[in-house]
Structures are given as C-alpha cells and as structure tokens.
N, C-alpha and C. Protein backbone atom coordinates (compact mmCIF):
# COMPACT_ATOMS: atom_id res chain seq x y z
N MET A 1 141.64 5.07 68.58
CA MET A 1 141.65 6.42 69.07
C MET A 1 142.21 7.31 67.97
N SER A 2 141.57 8.44 67.78
CA SER A 2 142.08 9.36 66.76
C SER A 2 143.42 9.93 67.24
N LYS A 3 144.24 10.29 66.29
CA LYS A 3 145.53 10.89 66.62
C LYS A 3 145.33 12.21 67.39
N ALA A 4 144.29 12.96 67.04
CA ALA A 4 144.02 14.23 67.73
C ALA A 4 143.68 13.99 69.20
N THR A 5 142.83 13.00 69.49
CA THR A 5 142.48 12.68 70.88
C THR A 5 143.70 12.18 71.63
N GLN A 6 144.48 11.34 70.98
CA GLN A 6 145.70 10.81 71.59
C GLN A 6 146.67 11.94 71.94
N ASN A 7 146.89 12.86 71.01
CA ASN A 7 147.80 13.98 71.25
C ASN A 7 147.29 14.89 72.36
N LYS A 8 145.98 15.10 72.37
CA LYS A 8 145.36 15.94 73.41
C LYS A 8 145.59 15.31 74.78
N PHE A 9 145.36 14.02 74.89
CA PHE A 9 145.56 13.31 76.16
C PHE A 9 147.02 13.44 76.60
N ILE A 10 147.95 13.21 75.70
CA ILE A 10 149.38 13.30 76.04
C ILE A 10 149.74 14.72 76.46
N ASP A 11 149.23 15.73 75.77
CA ASP A 11 149.49 17.13 76.14
C ASP A 11 148.96 17.43 77.53
N PHE A 12 147.75 16.95 77.84
CA PHE A 12 147.18 17.20 79.17
C PHE A 12 147.98 16.51 80.26
N ILE A 13 148.48 15.31 79.99
CA ILE A 13 149.32 14.61 80.97
C ILE A 13 150.65 15.35 81.14
N ASN A 14 151.20 15.87 80.05
CA ASN A 14 152.44 16.66 80.15
C ASN A 14 152.24 17.85 81.08
N GLN A 15 151.11 18.53 80.95
CA GLN A 15 150.80 19.66 81.83
C GLN A 15 150.59 19.19 83.26
N ALA A 16 149.92 18.06 83.42
CA ALA A 16 149.67 17.51 84.75
C ALA A 16 150.97 17.09 85.42
N GLN A 17 151.93 16.60 84.64
CA GLN A 17 153.20 16.16 85.20
C GLN A 17 153.90 17.31 85.93
N ILE A 18 153.79 18.50 85.41
CA ILE A 18 154.40 19.67 86.06
C ILE A 18 153.75 19.89 87.43
N LYS A 19 152.43 19.84 87.47
CA LYS A 19 151.72 20.02 88.74
C LYS A 19 152.04 18.88 89.72
N LEU A 20 152.07 17.66 89.21
CA LEU A 20 152.34 16.51 90.07
C LEU A 20 153.75 16.55 90.63
N SER A 21 154.70 17.01 89.84
CA SER A 21 156.09 17.10 90.29
C SER A 21 156.24 18.06 91.46
N ALA A 22 155.39 19.06 91.52
CA ALA A 22 155.43 20.01 92.64
C ALA A 22 154.87 19.40 93.93
N GLU A 23 154.04 18.39 93.80
CA GLU A 23 153.38 17.79 94.97
C GLU A 23 153.97 16.45 95.40
N PHE A 24 154.53 15.70 94.45
CA PHE A 24 154.96 14.33 94.70
C PHE A 24 156.36 14.09 94.16
N ASN A 25 156.97 13.04 94.66
CA ASN A 25 158.25 12.58 94.13
C ASN A 25 157.96 11.59 93.01
N ILE A 26 157.79 12.10 91.79
CA ILE A 26 157.46 11.21 90.68
C ILE A 26 158.70 10.97 89.82
N SER A 27 158.72 9.80 89.19
CA SER A 27 159.85 9.45 88.33
C SER A 27 159.43 8.39 87.33
N ASN A 28 160.35 8.06 86.45
CA ASN A 28 160.19 6.95 85.51
C ASN A 28 158.87 6.98 84.73
N ARG A 29 158.66 8.04 83.98
CA ARG A 29 157.48 8.10 83.13
C ARG A 29 157.60 7.01 82.07
N ASN A 30 156.50 6.32 81.87
CA ASN A 30 156.44 5.27 80.86
C ASN A 30 155.19 5.52 80.01
N THR A 31 155.38 5.66 78.71
CA THR A 31 154.25 5.89 77.81
C THR A 31 154.12 4.70 76.87
N LYS A 32 152.90 4.19 76.78
CA LYS A 32 152.62 3.09 75.86
C LYS A 32 151.43 3.49 75.01
N ILE A 33 151.64 3.51 73.71
CA ILE A 33 150.58 3.91 72.78
C ILE A 33 150.32 2.75 71.83
N ASP A 34 149.06 2.35 71.77
CA ASP A 34 148.69 1.41 70.73
C ASP A 34 147.56 2.03 69.92
N GLU A 35 146.98 1.26 69.07
CA GLU A 35 145.98 1.80 68.14
C GLU A 35 144.78 2.43 68.85
N TYR A 36 144.39 1.85 69.99
CA TYR A 36 143.16 2.29 70.64
C TYR A 36 143.35 2.91 72.02
N VAL A 37 144.42 2.56 72.70
CA VAL A 37 144.60 2.97 74.09
C VAL A 37 145.97 3.62 74.27
N THR A 38 145.96 4.71 75.03
CA THR A 38 147.22 5.35 75.42
C THR A 38 147.33 5.27 76.94
N ARG A 39 148.47 4.73 77.42
CA ARG A 39 148.73 4.59 78.85
C ARG A 39 149.99 5.38 79.19
N ILE A 40 149.91 6.16 80.24
CA ILE A 40 151.07 6.89 80.74
C ILE A 40 151.13 6.64 82.24
N SER A 41 152.27 6.12 82.68
CA SER A 41 152.41 5.81 84.10
C SER A 41 153.65 6.49 84.67
N PHE A 42 153.60 6.69 85.98
CA PHE A 42 154.70 7.29 86.73
C PHE A 42 154.90 6.49 88.00
N ASN A 43 156.14 6.43 88.46
CA ASN A 43 156.39 5.94 89.80
C ASN A 43 156.15 7.10 90.75
N PHE A 44 155.40 6.84 91.80
CA PHE A 44 155.10 7.82 92.85
C PHE A 44 155.66 7.24 94.14
N GLY A 45 156.88 7.61 94.50
CA GLY A 45 157.48 7.00 95.68
C GLY A 45 157.56 5.50 95.49
N LYS A 46 156.87 4.76 96.34
CA LYS A 46 156.82 3.30 96.22
C LYS A 46 155.54 2.83 95.53
N GLY A 47 154.81 3.75 94.93
CA GLY A 47 153.58 3.41 94.23
C GLY A 47 153.70 3.72 92.74
N ILE A 48 152.66 3.39 92.02
CA ILE A 48 152.59 3.64 90.59
C ILE A 48 151.22 4.24 90.29
N VAL A 49 151.21 5.30 89.50
CA VAL A 49 149.95 5.89 89.04
C VAL A 49 149.93 5.81 87.53
N GLU A 50 148.84 5.26 87.01
CA GLU A 50 148.69 5.07 85.56
C GLU A 50 147.46 5.84 85.08
N PHE A 51 147.66 6.64 84.06
CA PHE A 51 146.57 7.35 83.39
C PHE A 51 146.32 6.64 82.07
N LEU A 52 145.06 6.47 81.73
CA LEU A 52 144.69 5.73 80.53
C LEU A 52 143.61 6.48 79.78
N CYS A 53 143.67 6.47 78.48
CA CYS A 53 142.61 7.02 77.65
C CYS A 53 142.36 6.06 76.50
N GLY A 54 141.12 5.66 76.33
CA GLY A 54 140.80 4.71 75.27
C GLY A 54 139.32 4.41 75.22
N PRO A 55 138.97 3.39 74.42
CA PRO A 55 137.56 3.06 74.25
C PRO A 55 136.94 2.54 75.55
N PRO A 56 135.64 2.53 75.67
CA PRO A 56 134.68 2.83 74.62
C PRO A 56 134.32 4.31 74.52
N GLU A 57 134.55 5.09 75.59
CA GLU A 57 134.04 6.47 75.60
C GLU A 57 135.13 7.52 75.44
N TYR A 58 136.37 7.10 75.35
CA TYR A 58 137.51 8.02 75.22
C TYR A 58 137.50 9.11 76.27
N HIS A 59 137.50 8.65 77.50
CA HIS A 59 137.68 9.56 78.62
C HIS A 59 138.91 9.08 79.39
N ALA A 60 139.40 9.89 80.29
CA ALA A 60 140.59 9.53 81.07
C ALA A 60 140.20 8.63 82.24
N GLU A 61 141.09 7.72 82.56
CA GLU A 61 140.92 6.84 83.72
C GLU A 61 142.20 6.89 84.52
N ILE A 62 142.12 6.48 85.77
CA ILE A 62 143.29 6.43 86.63
C ILE A 62 143.32 5.10 87.37
N PHE A 63 144.52 4.56 87.51
CA PHE A 63 144.75 3.36 88.29
C PHE A 63 145.92 3.65 89.22
N ILE A 64 145.77 3.31 90.48
CA ILE A 64 146.78 3.61 91.49
C ILE A 64 147.19 2.31 92.15
N SER A 65 148.49 2.07 92.16
CA SER A 65 149.03 0.88 92.82
C SER A 65 149.92 1.34 93.96
N VAL A 66 149.65 0.82 95.16
CA VAL A 66 150.42 1.19 96.35
C VAL A 66 150.88 -0.07 97.07
N GLN A 67 152.03 0.06 97.73
CA GLN A 67 152.55 -1.06 98.51
C GLN A 67 151.92 -1.08 99.89
N ASP A 68 151.55 -2.27 100.33
CA ASP A 68 151.07 -2.40 101.70
C ASP A 68 152.24 -2.71 102.62
N GLU A 69 151.96 -2.99 103.89
CA GLU A 69 153.03 -3.22 104.87
C GLU A 69 153.85 -4.47 104.54
N ARG A 70 153.35 -5.37 103.72
CA ARG A 70 154.09 -6.58 103.31
C ARG A 70 154.77 -6.37 101.96
N SER A 71 154.81 -5.13 101.47
CA SER A 71 155.42 -4.76 100.17
C SER A 71 154.67 -5.37 98.99
N LYS A 72 153.43 -5.75 99.22
CA LYS A 72 152.58 -6.24 98.14
C LYS A 72 151.93 -5.03 97.45
N LEU A 73 151.91 -5.04 96.13
CA LEU A 73 151.30 -3.94 95.39
C LEU A 73 149.79 -4.16 95.26
N ASN A 74 149.02 -3.20 95.74
CA ASN A 74 147.55 -3.24 95.64
C ASN A 74 147.12 -2.22 94.60
N ARG A 75 146.29 -2.64 93.67
CA ARG A 75 145.85 -1.78 92.57
C ARG A 75 144.42 -1.29 92.83
N TYR A 76 144.22 0.01 92.64
CA TYR A 76 142.92 0.64 92.83
C TYR A 76 142.47 1.32 91.55
N ASP A 77 141.23 1.08 91.19
CA ASP A 77 140.59 1.90 90.16
C ASP A 77 139.62 2.82 90.89
N LEU A 78 138.93 3.66 90.17
CA LEU A 78 138.04 4.62 90.83
C LEU A 78 136.93 3.92 91.60
N ALA A 79 136.40 2.84 91.07
CA ALA A 79 135.33 2.11 91.78
C ALA A 79 135.83 1.58 93.12
N ARG A 80 137.02 1.04 93.15
CA ARG A 80 137.57 0.52 94.42
C ARG A 80 137.87 1.66 95.38
N LEU A 81 138.35 2.79 94.87
CA LEU A 81 138.60 3.94 95.73
C LEU A 81 137.31 4.43 96.39
N MET A 82 136.21 4.31 95.67
CA MET A 82 134.93 4.76 96.20
C MET A 82 134.44 3.91 97.37
N SER A 83 135.06 2.76 97.59
CA SER A 83 134.69 1.93 98.74
C SER A 83 135.31 2.45 100.04
N ILE A 84 136.21 3.42 99.94
CA ILE A 84 136.83 4.03 101.11
C ILE A 84 135.97 5.23 101.52
N PRO A 85 135.35 5.18 102.70
CA PRO A 85 134.39 6.23 103.09
C PRO A 85 134.91 7.66 102.94
N HIS A 86 136.13 7.93 103.39
CA HIS A 86 136.67 9.29 103.29
C HIS A 86 136.70 9.76 101.83
N LEU A 87 137.15 8.88 100.95
CA LEU A 87 137.23 9.26 99.53
C LEU A 87 135.85 9.39 98.90
N ARG A 88 134.95 8.50 99.27
CA ARG A 88 133.59 8.59 98.74
C ARG A 88 132.98 9.94 99.11
N ASN A 89 133.15 10.35 100.37
CA ASN A 89 132.64 11.67 100.79
C ASN A 89 133.33 12.80 100.04
N TRP A 90 134.65 12.68 99.84
CA TRP A 90 135.39 13.71 99.12
C TRP A 90 134.89 13.82 97.68
N VAL A 91 134.67 12.68 97.04
CA VAL A 91 134.21 12.67 95.65
C VAL A 91 132.83 13.33 95.53
N VAL A 92 131.94 13.03 96.46
CA VAL A 92 130.61 13.63 96.44
C VAL A 92 130.71 15.16 96.50
N LYS A 93 131.65 15.67 97.29
CA LYS A 93 131.80 17.12 97.45
C LYS A 93 132.64 17.76 96.35
N ASN A 94 133.42 16.97 95.62
CA ASN A 94 134.39 17.51 94.66
C ASN A 94 134.30 16.81 93.31
N LYS A 95 133.16 16.82 92.72
CA LYS A 95 132.98 16.16 91.42
C LYS A 95 133.72 16.94 90.33
N PRO A 96 134.25 16.21 89.33
CA PRO A 96 134.91 16.93 88.24
C PRO A 96 133.88 17.73 87.43
N ASN A 97 134.29 18.89 86.97
CA ASN A 97 133.41 19.73 86.16
C ASN A 97 133.66 19.42 84.69
N ILE A 98 132.90 18.47 84.16
CA ILE A 98 133.10 18.07 82.76
C ILE A 98 132.10 18.74 81.82
N ASN A 99 131.31 19.67 82.36
CA ASN A 99 130.31 20.34 81.55
C ASN A 99 130.88 21.53 80.77
N HIS A 100 132.02 22.04 81.20
CA HIS A 100 132.61 23.20 80.54
C HIS A 100 134.02 22.85 80.10
N GLY A 101 134.34 23.11 78.86
CA GLY A 101 135.68 22.83 78.38
C GLY A 101 135.84 21.38 77.97
N ASP A 102 137.05 20.92 77.95
CA ASP A 102 137.38 19.57 77.48
C ASP A 102 137.20 18.54 78.60
N LYS A 103 136.49 17.48 78.29
CA LYS A 103 136.20 16.43 79.27
C LYS A 103 137.47 15.74 79.76
N ILE A 104 138.38 15.43 78.86
CA ILE A 104 139.61 14.73 79.24
C ILE A 104 140.46 15.61 80.15
N ARG A 105 140.58 16.88 79.83
CA ARG A 105 141.36 17.80 80.67
C ARG A 105 140.72 17.91 82.06
N ALA A 106 139.41 18.04 82.12
CA ALA A 106 138.72 18.14 83.41
C ALA A 106 138.95 16.90 84.25
N GLU A 107 138.93 15.74 83.64
CA GLU A 107 139.14 14.49 84.38
C GLU A 107 140.58 14.42 84.91
N ILE A 108 141.55 14.78 84.10
CA ILE A 108 142.94 14.74 84.54
C ILE A 108 143.18 15.75 85.66
N ASP A 109 142.65 16.95 85.51
CA ASP A 109 142.78 17.95 86.58
C ASP A 109 142.17 17.43 87.89
N TRP A 110 141.04 16.76 87.78
CA TRP A 110 140.37 16.20 88.96
C TRP A 110 141.21 15.07 89.56
N PHE A 111 141.84 14.27 88.72
CA PHE A 111 142.70 13.19 89.22
C PHE A 111 143.85 13.74 90.06
N ILE A 112 144.39 14.89 89.66
CA ILE A 112 145.46 15.51 90.44
C ILE A 112 144.95 15.84 91.84
N LEU A 113 143.77 16.44 91.92
CA LEU A 113 143.17 16.76 93.22
C LEU A 113 142.91 15.49 94.03
N LEU A 114 142.46 14.44 93.35
CA LEU A 114 142.22 13.16 94.02
C LEU A 114 143.52 12.59 94.59
N LEU A 115 144.60 12.64 93.83
CA LEU A 115 145.88 12.14 94.32
C LEU A 115 146.36 12.91 95.55
N ILE A 116 146.17 14.22 95.53
CA ILE A 116 146.55 15.04 96.68
C ILE A 116 145.73 14.64 97.91
N GLU A 117 144.45 14.37 97.70
CA GLU A 117 143.59 13.93 98.80
C GLU A 117 143.98 12.54 99.29
N LEU A 118 144.34 11.66 98.38
CA LEU A 118 144.71 10.29 98.74
C LEU A 118 145.87 10.23 99.71
N ARG A 119 146.83 11.10 99.53
CA ARG A 119 148.02 11.00 100.38
C ARG A 119 147.73 11.33 101.84
N LYS A 120 146.54 11.82 102.14
CA LYS A 120 146.14 12.05 103.53
C LYS A 120 145.80 10.74 104.24
N LEU A 121 145.57 9.70 103.47
CA LEU A 121 145.14 8.42 104.04
C LEU A 121 146.33 7.49 104.25
N PRO A 122 146.38 6.79 105.39
CA PRO A 122 147.53 5.94 105.70
C PRO A 122 147.84 4.89 104.63
N GLU A 123 146.82 4.31 104.02
CA GLU A 123 147.06 3.26 103.05
C GLU A 123 147.67 3.77 101.75
N PHE A 124 147.77 5.07 101.59
CA PHE A 124 148.35 5.66 100.37
C PHE A 124 149.63 6.45 100.66
N LYS A 125 150.19 6.29 101.84
CA LYS A 125 151.42 7.00 102.20
C LYS A 125 152.59 6.63 101.28
N SER A 126 152.57 5.44 100.69
CA SER A 126 153.68 5.04 99.82
C SER A 126 153.73 5.84 98.53
N LEU A 127 152.71 6.68 98.27
CA LEU A 127 152.74 7.54 97.07
C LEU A 127 153.65 8.74 97.26
N GLU A 128 154.07 9.02 98.48
CA GLU A 128 154.90 10.21 98.75
C GLU A 128 156.18 10.17 97.95
C-alpha cells in the first residue's frame, strides 16, 4: 500500500472515530500497519469493529465481532451481514456513493451508517 493511501485511510478513520464516539461507547483503538494492509479496530461495548484497507483493490472493509448469549464472539464480514434479511434490504436502499469523491472515504462513511443500523437488531445489541 502506498504511504499516501495508508495516510488517507488513517485520516478518514480518525474523522469517523469522532462520529462513532457520538453514537457508540467505543474504546481501545488498536492500529496495526504492515507493508500492505492497515487495520484499525475499536472495542464497541462488548463487541469489536475492525476497519481494514489493503490489497487487492485498496478499498475499505469492515469486520464486526459481537458476543452472543453464551459470550462467544461471532465475526461478521459484509457478505455474512447480507444474509440477514433486514440488513440486506437496508443495503439495497442505502448503497454507498462511491462515484463521487474518494472511494475509501465513501465506504467508511457508509460503514458508520451501517453500524448505526446494526444496533437496531437484537444480535448486535452488544455493540452499544
């Protein structure tokens, strides 16, 4: 990953952190940077949200881990989230606008909206 793309991703996450702090109880930011991939994660209540940027297409990704009733951590990527009918319908109606401006910024902004929508679902209450 180029240093410019890496810095841009980190700057966008810094801006997103301000918005997320207003909506969620987030803590313990952890940043891991290697040659190709940058990962930034936060604790969200009893869950973990991880933002990633790296190859092959250098776009932002999100992974969400939430505790179930047995305190087991379940990890979701966007494909797994799409298996939940409410979220699939929400995604169809609220696609990220990556045609104007920066693609990475648009994806991160959309992830914030997705996280806000997720907390409406019982299985994601541990993100509070």
